[in-house]
């Protein structure tokens, strides 16, 4: 059963996650920069501005809305974000 689930997950495309064009490229670049590490919301916003200005922040918000990056469970007052592990595998 695990092998079938992994095979099904491997067949998912970025477009099926709602990622296309510039947003997919933005997500891949962010994924390469942070991998499976978590990051603070302020750091993430600064990174997004540095990689696209207003458009970068808009793409970041889309990734958050789609669940590609998500709040780390049990995070402190300073929100911590991380890639959804399945989304990160799709982008790799």
C-alpha atoms as a PDB file:
ATOM      1  CA  UNK A   1       0.000   0.000   0.000  1.00  0.00           C
ATOM      2  CA  UNK A   2       2.863   2.389   0.824  1.00  0.00           C
ATOM      3  CA  UNK A   3       4.451   1.763  -2.572  1.00  0.00           C
ATOM      4  CA  UNK A   4       1.175   2.561  -4.341  1.00  0.00           C
ATOM      5  CA  UNK A   5       0.750   5.772  -2.323  1.00  0.00           C
ATOM      6  CA  UNK A   6       4.314   6.858  -3.111  1.00  0.00           C
ATOM      7  CA  UNK A   7       3.814   6.086  -6.809  1.00  0.00           C
ATOM      8  CA  UNK A   8       0.595   8.107  -6.875  1.00  0.00           C
ATOM      9  CA  UNK A   9       2.291  11.035  -5.126  1.00  0.00           C
ATOM     10  CA  UNK A  10       5.197  10.899  -7.575  1.00  0.00           C
ATOM     11  CA  UNK A  11       2.752  11.370 -10.466  1.00  0.00           C
ATOM     12  CA  UNK A  12       1.434  14.704  -9.154  1.00  0.00           C
ATOM     13  CA  UNK A  13       2.528  17.706 -11.191  1.00  0.00           C
ATOM     14  CA  UNK A  14       3.117  21.285  -9.999  1.00  0.00           C
ATOM     15  CA  UNK A  15       0.089  22.379 -12.055  1.00  0.00           C
ATOM     16  CA  UNK A  16      -2.104  20.006 -10.043  1.00  0.00           C
ATOM     17  CA  UNK A  17      -0.959  21.863  -6.916  1.00  0.00           C
ATOM     18  CA  UNK A  18      -2.082  25.140  -8.495  1.00  0.00           C
ATOM     19  CA  UNK A  19       1.451  26.144  -9.484  1.00  0.00           C
ATOM     20  CA  UNK A  20       2.094  27.412 -12.959  1.00  0.00           C
ATOM     21  CA  UNK A  21       4.492  29.750 -14.699  1.00  0.00           C
ATOM     22  CA  UNK A  22       6.083  32.365 -12.463  1.00  0.00           C
ATOM     23  CA  UNK A  23       4.576  30.938  -9.261  1.00  0.00           C
ATOM     24  CA  UNK A  24       6.079  27.513  -9.982  1.00  0.00           C
ATOM     25  CA  UNK A  25       9.480  29.073 -10.640  1.00  0.00           C
ATOM     26  CA  UNK A  26       9.179  31.139  -7.455  1.00  0.00           C
ATOM     27  CA  UNK A  27       8.250  28.007  -5.446  1.00  0.00           C
ATOM     28  CA  UNK A  28      11.158  26.025  -6.904  1.00  0.00           C
ATOM     29  CA  UNK A  29      13.602  28.836  -6.107  1.00  0.00           C
ATOM     30  CA  UNK A  30      12.303  29.096  -2.550  1.00  0.00           C
ATOM     31  CA  UNK A  31      12.412  25.317  -2.189  1.00  0.00           C
ATOM     32  CA  UNK A  32      16.039  25.244  -3.310  1.00  0.00           C
ATOM     33  CA  UNK A  33      16.890  28.043  -0.866  1.00  0.00           C
ATOM     34  CA  UNK A  34      15.251  26.579   2.242  1.00  0.00           C
ATOM     35  CA  UNK A  35      14.557  22.912   1.516  1.00  0.00           C
ATOM     36  CA  UNK A  36      12.899  21.183   4.464  1.00  0.00           C
ATOM     37  CA  UNK A  37      14.032  23.855   6.957  1.00  0.00           C
ATOM     38  CA  UNK A  38      11.545  26.125   8.653  1.00  0.00           C
ATOM     39  CA  UNK A  39      11.732  29.916   8.516  1.00  0.00           C
ATOM     40  CA  UNK A  40      10.232  32.949  10.242  1.00  0.00           C
ATOM     41  CA  UNK A  41       7.434  34.873   8.552  1.00  0.00           C
ATOM     42  CA  UNK A  42       9.447  38.107   8.495  1.00  0.00           C
ATOM     43  CA  UNK A  43      12.412  36.351   6.873  1.00  0.00           C
ATOM     44  CA  UNK A  44      10.083  34.826   4.323  1.00  0.00           C
ATOM     45  CA  UNK A  45       8.497  38.176   3.443  1.00  0.00           C
ATOM     46  CA  UNK A  46      11.957  39.765   3.066  1.00  0.00           C
ATOM     47  CA  UNK A  47      13.089  36.917   0.840  1.00  0.00           C
ATOM     48  CA  UNK A  48       9.966  37.244  -1.321  1.00  0.00           C
ATOM     49  CA  UNK A  49      10.495  41.013  -1.747  1.00  0.00           C
ATOM     50  CA  UNK A  50      14.105  40.371  -2.733  1.00  0.00           C
ATOM     51  CA  UNK A  51      12.996  37.842  -5.343  1.00  0.00           C
ATOM     52  CA  UNK A  52      10.287  39.754  -7.111  1.00  0.00           C
ATOM     53  CA  UNK A  53       9.214  42.814  -5.140  1.00  0.00           C
ATOM     54  CA  UNK A  54       5.439  43.127  -4.931  1.00  0.00           C
ATOM     55  CA  UNK A  55       4.990  40.200  -7.337  1.00  0.00           C
ATOM     56  CA  UNK A  56       7.178  38.055  -5.067  1.00  0.00           C
ATOM     57  CA  UNK A  57       5.001  38.813  -2.059  1.00  0.00           C
ATOM     58  CA  UNK A  58       1.888  38.026  -4.125  1.00  0.00           C
ATOM     59  CA  UNK A  59       3.409  34.687  -5.205  1.00  0.00           C
ATOM     60  CA  UNK A  60       4.317  33.937  -1.578  1.00  0.00           C
ATOM     61  CA  UNK A  61       0.729  34.572  -0.482  1.00  0.00           C
ATOM     62  CA  UNK A  62      -0.482  32.218  -3.210  1.00  0.00           C
ATOM     63  CA  UNK A  63       1.865  29.477  -1.931  1.00  0.00           C
ATOM     64  CA  UNK A  64       0.496  30.026   1.571  1.00  0.00           C
ATOM     65  CA  UNK A  65      -3.119  29.934   0.372  1.00  0.00           C
ATOM     66  CA  UNK A  66      -2.514  26.729  -1.575  1.00  0.00           C
ATOM     67  CA  UNK A  67      -0.850  25.055   1.410  1.00  0.00           C
ATOM     68  CA  UNK A  68       2.459  24.645  -0.419  1.00  0.00           C
ATOM     69  CA  UNK A  69       4.060  26.357   2.547  1.00  0.00           C
ATOM     70  CA  UNK A  70       2.341  26.083   5.879  1.00  0.00           C
ATOM     71  CA  UNK A  71       2.653  27.164   9.484  1.00  0.00           C
ATOM     72  CA  UNK A  72       4.772  24.794  11.539  1.00  0.00           C
ATOM     73  CA  UNK A  73       2.550  23.107  14.140  1.00  0.00           C
ATOM     74  CA  UNK A  74       3.309  24.309  17.663  1.00  0.00           C
ATOM     75  CA  UNK A  75       5.170  27.386  16.427  1.00  0.00           C
ATOM     76  CA  UNK A  76       5.772  30.197  18.888  1.00  0.00           C
ATOM     77  CA  UNK A  77       4.356  33.741  18.617  1.00  0.00           C
ATOM     78  CA  UNK A  78       6.821  34.433  15.796  1.00  0.00           C
ATOM     79  CA  UNK A  79       5.180  32.313  13.120  1.00  0.00           C
ATOM     80  CA  UNK A  80       7.392  29.669  11.588  1.00  0.00           C
ATOM     81  CA  UNK A  81       6.702  28.392   8.080  1.00  0.00           C
ATOM     82  CA  UNK A  82       7.877  25.294   6.221  1.00  0.00           C
ATOM     83  CA  UNK A  83       7.210  23.612   2.907  1.00  0.00           C
ATOM     84  CA  UNK A  84       4.521  20.997   2.897  1.00  0.00           C
ATOM     85  CA  UNK A  85       6.701  17.859   2.483  1.00  0.00           C
ATOM     86  CA  UNK A  86       4.586  16.499  -0.380  1.00  0.00           C
ATOM     87  CA  UNK A  87       4.713  19.812  -2.243  1.00  0.00           C
ATOM     88  CA  UNK A  88       8.479  19.988  -1.783  1.00  0.00           C
ATOM     89  CA  UNK A  89       8.836  16.505  -3.321  1.00  0.00           C
ATOM     90  CA  UNK A  90       6.705  17.536  -6.303  1.00  0.00           C
ATOM     91  CA  UNK A  91       8.921  20.585  -6.869  1.00  0.00           C
ATOM     92  CA  UNK A  92      12.211  18.667  -6.524  1.00  0.00           C
END
